[in-house]
Amino acid sequence: MESYRQGDIAFFQIAEIPEGFVETEGPLEIPGESGLHLHRIAGVEVFKNTAVAERPNNRGPDIPVAIIRAFEDTPVIHDVQQDNETPHPVLTLPPGIYEVRQARQPNNRIGD
């Protein structure tokens, strides 16, 4: 399985669109964890999850942000919204189906 990353967003190539995902309107815009930037993907089919999955470590929902299907080389644009944010280089995804996940910092809980 191929994977790609742009900052806190990861793309994992998968063979098919999983059950429980329905097509929605694109483009896909994913706010970065800091809230100071967006990751934008246009020209793809976007599928959102209609169900909730649980993480293997039982720490709550772990739903992919979306599934996307790219029919051609597709740029992922990193759009910074404040001067103190550093833009990531443009990531180009090859054609395929991708699970889109966002890295999150774990909750700072006592005992973790």
N, C-alpha and C. Protein backbone atom coordinates (compact mmCIF):
# COMPACT_ATOMS: atom_id res chain seq x y z
N MET A 1 0.85 -1.18 0.00
CA MET A 1 0.00 0.00 0.00
C MET A 1 0.89 1.23 0.00
N GLU A 2 0.70 2.10 -0.96
CA GLU A 2 1.44 3.36 -1.03
C GLU A 2 0.82 4.37 -0.07
N SER A 3 1.66 5.21 0.51
CA SER A 3 1.14 6.28 1.36
C SER A 3 1.90 7.56 1.06
N TYR A 4 1.23 8.67 1.30
CA TYR A 4 1.78 10.00 1.04
C TYR A 4 1.38 10.88 2.22
N ARG A 5 2.16 11.93 2.45
CA ARG A 5 1.88 12.80 3.59
C ARG A 5 2.16 14.25 3.20
N GLN A 6 1.29 15.14 3.71
CA GLN A 6 1.52 16.57 3.60
C GLN A 6 1.20 17.15 4.97
N GLY A 7 2.24 17.41 5.75
CA GLY A 7 2.04 17.91 7.10
C GLY A 7 1.26 16.91 7.94
N ASP A 8 0.12 17.36 8.49
CA ASP A 8 -0.66 16.49 9.36
C ASP A 8 -1.74 15.70 8.61
N ILE A 9 -1.69 15.67 7.28
CA ILE A 9 -2.64 14.91 6.48
C ILE A 9 -1.90 13.78 5.78
N ALA A 10 -2.47 12.56 5.89
CA ALA A 10 -1.86 11.38 5.26
C ALA A 10 -2.86 10.76 4.28
N PHE A 11 -2.34 10.22 3.21
CA PHE A 11 -3.13 9.58 2.17
C PHE A 11 -2.62 8.15 2.00
N PHE A 12 -3.52 7.18 2.17
CA PHE A 12 -3.18 5.77 2.05
C PHE A 12 -3.92 5.20 0.87
N GLN A 13 -3.19 4.70 -0.12
CA GLN A 13 -3.83 4.15 -1.30
C GLN A 13 -4.51 2.83 -0.93
N ILE A 14 -5.77 2.69 -1.36
CA ILE A 14 -6.55 1.48 -1.09
C ILE A 14 -7.12 0.97 -2.40
N ALA A 15 -7.59 -0.28 -2.40
CA ALA A 15 -8.05 -0.92 -3.63
C ALA A 15 -9.45 -0.50 -4.05
N GLU A 16 -10.31 -0.22 -3.07
CA GLU A 16 -11.70 0.12 -3.41
C GLU A 16 -12.30 1.00 -2.33
N ILE A 17 -13.43 1.59 -2.65
CA ILE A 17 -14.13 2.45 -1.70
C ILE A 17 -14.86 1.55 -0.70
N PRO A 18 -14.57 1.71 0.59
CA PRO A 18 -15.18 0.84 1.59
C PRO A 18 -16.68 1.06 1.73
N GLU A 19 -17.36 0.05 2.26
CA GLU A 19 -18.77 0.20 2.58
C GLU A 19 -18.95 1.30 3.60
N GLY A 20 -20.08 1.97 3.55
CA GLY A 20 -20.36 3.01 4.52
C GLY A 20 -19.93 4.40 4.09
N PHE A 21 -19.39 4.52 2.88
CA PHE A 21 -18.98 5.83 2.36
C PHE A 21 -19.90 6.21 1.20
N VAL A 22 -20.33 7.46 1.19
CA VAL A 22 -21.20 7.95 0.12
C VAL A 22 -20.54 9.15 -0.55
N GLU A 23 -20.79 9.30 -1.84
CA GLU A 23 -20.18 10.40 -2.59
C GLU A 23 -20.80 11.73 -2.17
N THR A 24 -19.93 12.74 -2.01
CA THR A 24 -20.37 14.08 -1.66
C THR A 24 -19.76 15.06 -2.66
N GLU A 25 -20.15 16.30 -2.56
CA GLU A 25 -19.60 17.33 -3.43
C GLU A 25 -18.16 17.65 -3.04
N GLY A 26 -17.31 17.87 -4.03
CA GLY A 26 -15.94 18.30 -3.80
C GLY A 26 -15.86 19.78 -4.09
N PRO A 27 -14.75 20.41 -3.98
CA PRO A 27 -13.45 19.85 -3.60
C PRO A 27 -13.40 19.54 -2.10
N LEU A 28 -12.36 18.84 -1.71
CA LEU A 28 -12.15 18.51 -0.30
C LEU A 28 -11.21 19.55 0.30
N GLU A 29 -11.64 20.17 1.39
CA GLU A 29 -10.81 21.13 2.13
C GLU A 29 -10.72 20.64 3.56
N ILE A 30 -9.49 20.37 4.02
CA ILE A 30 -9.28 19.83 5.35
C ILE A 30 -8.50 20.85 6.17
N PRO A 31 -9.08 21.37 7.23
CA PRO A 31 -8.32 22.29 8.08
C PRO A 31 -7.17 21.54 8.75
N GLY A 32 -6.02 22.18 8.85
CA GLY A 32 -4.91 21.59 9.57
C GLY A 32 -5.22 21.58 11.05
N GLU A 33 -4.48 20.78 11.80
CA GLU A 33 -4.74 20.64 13.23
C GLU A 33 -4.65 21.98 13.96
N SER A 34 -3.75 22.86 13.52
CA SER A 34 -3.60 24.17 14.17
C SER A 34 -4.75 25.11 13.83
N GLY A 35 -5.50 24.81 12.79
CA GLY A 35 -6.58 25.69 12.36
C GLY A 35 -6.11 26.88 11.56
N LEU A 36 -4.79 26.96 11.31
CA LEU A 36 -4.23 28.12 10.61
C LEU A 36 -3.96 27.84 9.13
N HIS A 37 -4.33 26.67 8.65
CA HIS A 37 -4.10 26.35 7.24
C HIS A 37 -5.12 25.32 6.77
N LEU A 38 -5.21 25.20 5.44
CA LEU A 38 -6.09 24.22 4.80
C LEU A 38 -5.29 23.37 3.85
N HIS A 39 -5.72 22.13 3.69
CA HIS A 39 -5.21 21.25 2.64
C HIS A 39 -6.36 21.13 1.64
N ARG A 40 -6.13 21.54 0.38
CA ARG A 40 -7.19 21.56 -0.63
C ARG A 40 -6.89 20.56 -1.74
N ILE A 41 -7.94 19.80 -2.09
CA ILE A 41 -7.82 18.81 -3.16
C ILE A 41 -9.02 18.98 -4.07
N ALA A 42 -8.77 19.36 -5.31
CA ALA A 42 -9.85 19.57 -6.28
C ALA A 42 -9.71 18.55 -7.40
N GLY A 43 -10.79 18.35 -8.14
CA GLY A 43 -10.74 17.46 -9.30
C GLY A 43 -10.76 15.99 -8.94
N VAL A 44 -11.31 15.66 -7.76
CA VAL A 44 -11.40 14.26 -7.33
C VAL A 44 -12.84 13.97 -6.92
N GLU A 45 -13.20 12.69 -6.92
CA GLU A 45 -14.45 12.28 -6.31
C GLU A 45 -14.20 12.18 -4.81
N VAL A 46 -15.14 12.68 -4.00
CA VAL A 46 -15.00 12.70 -2.55
C VAL A 46 -16.10 11.84 -1.94
N PHE A 47 -15.72 10.96 -1.02
CA PHE A 47 -16.66 10.07 -0.34
C PHE A 47 -16.50 10.27 1.16
N LYS A 48 -17.62 10.46 1.87
CA LYS A 48 -17.60 10.65 3.33
C LYS A 48 -18.21 9.43 4.01
N ASN A 49 -17.75 9.17 5.23
CA ASN A 49 -18.20 8.04 6.01
C ASN A 49 -19.56 8.31 6.63
N THR A 50 -20.43 7.31 6.59
CA THR A 50 -21.75 7.45 7.19
C THR A 50 -21.86 6.66 8.49
N ALA A 51 -20.79 5.96 8.88
CA ALA A 51 -20.81 5.14 10.10
C ALA A 51 -19.63 5.52 10.98
N VAL A 52 -19.61 5.01 12.18
CA VAL A 52 -18.53 5.28 13.12
C VAL A 52 -17.73 4.00 13.33
N ALA A 53 -16.41 4.12 13.22
CA ALA A 53 -15.53 2.99 13.50
C ALA A 53 -14.78 3.28 14.79
N GLU A 54 -14.30 2.28 15.45
CA GLU A 54 -13.55 2.46 16.69
C GLU A 54 -12.08 2.16 16.46
N ARG A 55 -11.23 2.92 17.11
CA ARG A 55 -9.79 2.67 17.05
C ARG A 55 -9.47 1.36 17.73
N PRO A 56 -8.43 0.69 17.27
CA PRO A 56 -8.03 -0.55 17.94
C PRO A 56 -7.69 -0.35 19.41
N ASN A 57 -7.20 0.82 19.78
CA ASN A 57 -6.84 1.04 21.19
C ASN A 57 -8.01 1.63 21.99
N ASN A 58 -9.21 1.63 21.40
CA ASN A 58 -10.43 2.06 22.10
C ASN A 58 -10.36 3.47 22.66
N ARG A 59 -9.75 4.39 21.95
CA ARG A 59 -9.69 5.78 22.42
C ARG A 59 -10.67 6.67 21.67
N GLY A 60 -11.70 6.10 21.14
CA GLY A 60 -12.74 6.92 20.52
C GLY A 60 -12.78 6.77 19.02
N PRO A 61 -13.61 7.58 18.36
CA PRO A 61 -13.80 7.42 16.92
C PRO A 61 -12.52 7.68 16.13
N ASP A 62 -12.34 6.89 15.12
CA ASP A 62 -11.19 7.04 14.23
C ASP A 62 -11.69 6.90 12.80
N ILE A 63 -12.37 7.91 12.34
CA ILE A 63 -12.98 7.88 11.01
C ILE A 63 -12.06 8.62 10.05
N PRO A 64 -11.77 8.02 8.90
CA PRO A 64 -11.02 8.80 7.91
C PRO A 64 -11.77 10.08 7.59
N VAL A 65 -11.02 11.14 7.32
CA VAL A 65 -11.64 12.40 6.94
C VAL A 65 -12.52 12.18 5.71
N ALA A 66 -12.01 11.38 4.77
CA ALA A 66 -12.73 11.09 3.54
C ALA A 66 -11.98 10.00 2.78
N ILE A 67 -12.63 9.53 1.75
CA ILE A 67 -12.00 8.71 0.73
C ILE A 67 -12.05 9.55 -0.54
N ILE A 68 -10.96 9.58 -1.29
CA ILE A 68 -10.98 10.30 -2.56
C ILE A 68 -10.56 9.36 -3.69
N ARG A 69 -11.10 9.64 -4.88
CA ARG A 69 -10.67 8.91 -6.08
C ARG A 69 -10.13 9.94 -7.06
N ALA A 70 -8.84 9.81 -7.36
CA ALA A 70 -8.17 10.70 -8.32
C ALA A 70 -8.03 9.97 -9.64
N PHE A 71 -8.43 10.60 -10.72
CA PHE A 71 -8.37 10.00 -12.04
C PHE A 71 -7.10 10.35 -12.79
N GLU A 72 -6.38 11.36 -12.28
CA GLU A 72 -5.12 11.78 -12.89
C GLU A 72 -4.23 12.33 -11.79
N ASP A 73 -2.99 12.64 -12.09
CA ASP A 73 -2.11 13.25 -11.09
C ASP A 73 -2.84 14.46 -10.50
N THR A 74 -2.95 14.48 -9.17
CA THR A 74 -3.78 15.48 -8.50
C THR A 74 -2.98 16.21 -7.44
N PRO A 75 -2.88 17.55 -7.52
CA PRO A 75 -2.14 18.29 -6.51
C PRO A 75 -2.95 18.48 -5.23
N VAL A 76 -2.25 18.39 -4.11
CA VAL A 76 -2.81 18.73 -2.81
C VAL A 76 -2.14 20.05 -2.42
N ILE A 77 -2.93 21.09 -2.31
CA ILE A 77 -2.41 22.44 -2.05
C ILE A 77 -2.47 22.72 -0.55
N HIS A 78 -1.40 23.25 -0.02
CA HIS A 78 -1.35 23.66 1.39
C HIS A 78 -1.51 25.16 1.43
N ASP A 79 -2.63 25.63 1.95
CA ASP A 79 -2.99 27.05 1.94
C ASP A 79 -2.84 27.60 3.35
N VAL A 80 -1.77 28.38 3.58
CA VAL A 80 -1.57 28.98 4.90
C VAL A 80 -2.43 30.23 5.01
N GLN A 81 -2.92 30.48 6.22
CA GLN A 81 -3.82 31.61 6.44
C GLN A 81 -3.22 32.68 7.33
N GLN A 82 -2.03 32.44 7.87
CA GLN A 82 -1.35 33.44 8.67
C GLN A 82 0.13 33.44 8.30
N ASP A 83 0.75 34.59 8.43
CA ASP A 83 2.14 34.74 8.02
C ASP A 83 3.12 33.86 8.79
N ASN A 84 2.77 33.47 10.02
CA ASN A 84 3.71 32.66 10.81
C ASN A 84 3.65 31.17 10.48
N GLU A 85 2.77 30.76 9.57
CA GLU A 85 2.68 29.37 9.13
C GLU A 85 3.59 29.18 7.91
N THR A 86 4.28 28.07 7.88
CA THR A 86 5.15 27.75 6.74
C THR A 86 4.41 26.80 5.81
N PRO A 87 4.27 27.14 4.54
CA PRO A 87 3.55 26.23 3.63
C PRO A 87 4.36 24.97 3.34
N HIS A 88 3.64 23.86 3.20
CA HIS A 88 4.26 22.62 2.76
C HIS A 88 4.36 22.66 1.24
N PRO A 89 5.31 21.95 0.66
CA PRO A 89 5.34 21.86 -0.80
C PRO A 89 4.06 21.20 -1.32
N VAL A 90 3.71 21.49 -2.56
CA VAL A 90 2.56 20.85 -3.19
C VAL A 90 2.86 19.36 -3.28
N LEU A 91 1.89 18.55 -2.87
CA LEU A 91 1.98 17.10 -2.98
C LEU A 91 1.15 16.69 -4.19
N THR A 92 1.69 15.84 -5.05
CA THR A 92 0.94 15.35 -6.20
C THR A 92 0.65 13.88 -5.99
N LEU A 93 -0.65 13.55 -5.91
CA LEU A 93 -1.08 12.17 -5.76
C LEU A 93 -1.27 11.54 -7.14
N PRO A 94 -0.72 10.34 -7.37
CA PRO A 94 -0.99 9.66 -8.63
C PRO A 94 -2.44 9.16 -8.66
N PRO A 95 -2.95 8.80 -9.84
CA PRO A 95 -4.31 8.29 -9.92
C PRO A 95 -4.51 7.12 -8.96
N GLY A 96 -5.68 7.07 -8.34
CA GLY A 96 -5.99 5.97 -7.43
C GLY A 96 -7.06 6.36 -6.43
N ILE A 97 -7.33 5.44 -5.50
CA ILE A 97 -8.29 5.66 -4.43
C ILE A 97 -7.49 5.78 -3.14
N TYR A 98 -7.82 6.79 -2.33
CA TYR A 98 -7.04 7.07 -1.12
C TYR A 98 -7.94 7.26 0.09
N GLU A 99 -7.53 6.69 1.20
CA GLU A 99 -8.11 6.99 2.49
C GLU A 99 -7.36 8.22 3.01
N VAL A 100 -8.10 9.25 3.39
CA VAL A 100 -7.49 10.50 3.86
C VAL A 100 -7.63 10.54 5.39
N ARG A 101 -6.51 10.64 6.07
CA ARG A 101 -6.51 10.69 7.54
C ARG A 101 -5.77 11.92 8.01
N GLN A 102 -6.19 12.41 9.17
CA GLN A 102 -5.54 13.57 9.77
C GLN A 102 -4.89 13.14 11.07
N ALA A 103 -3.59 13.43 11.19
CA ALA A 103 -2.88 13.13 12.43
C ALA A 103 -3.36 14.08 13.51
N ARG A 104 -3.56 13.57 14.67
CA ARG A 104 -3.99 14.37 15.82
C ARG A 104 -3.05 14.10 16.98
N GLN A 105 -2.79 15.14 17.76
CA GLN A 105 -2.03 14.95 18.98
C GLN A 105 -2.91 14.20 19.96
N PRO A 106 -2.37 13.23 20.69
CA PRO A 106 -3.20 12.52 21.67
C PRO A 106 -3.63 13.47 22.79
N ASN A 107 -4.76 13.15 23.39
CA ASN A 107 -5.23 13.94 24.53
C ASN A 107 -4.21 13.83 25.65
N ASN A 108 -3.95 14.92 26.29
CA ASN A 108 -3.04 14.92 27.43
C ASN A 108 -3.85 14.58 28.67
N ARG A 109 -4.04 13.30 28.92
CA ARG A 109 -4.81 12.87 30.07
C ARG A 109 -3.87 12.23 31.09
N ILE A 110 -4.22 12.35 32.34
CA ILE A 110 -3.43 11.73 33.39
C ILE A 110 -3.47 10.22 33.18
N GLY A 111 -2.32 9.60 33.27
CA GLY A 111 -2.22 8.16 33.09
C GLY A 111 -1.91 7.74 31.67
N ASP A 112 -1.90 8.67 30.74
CA ASP A 112 -1.57 8.32 29.34
C ASP A 112 -0.07 8.18 29.18
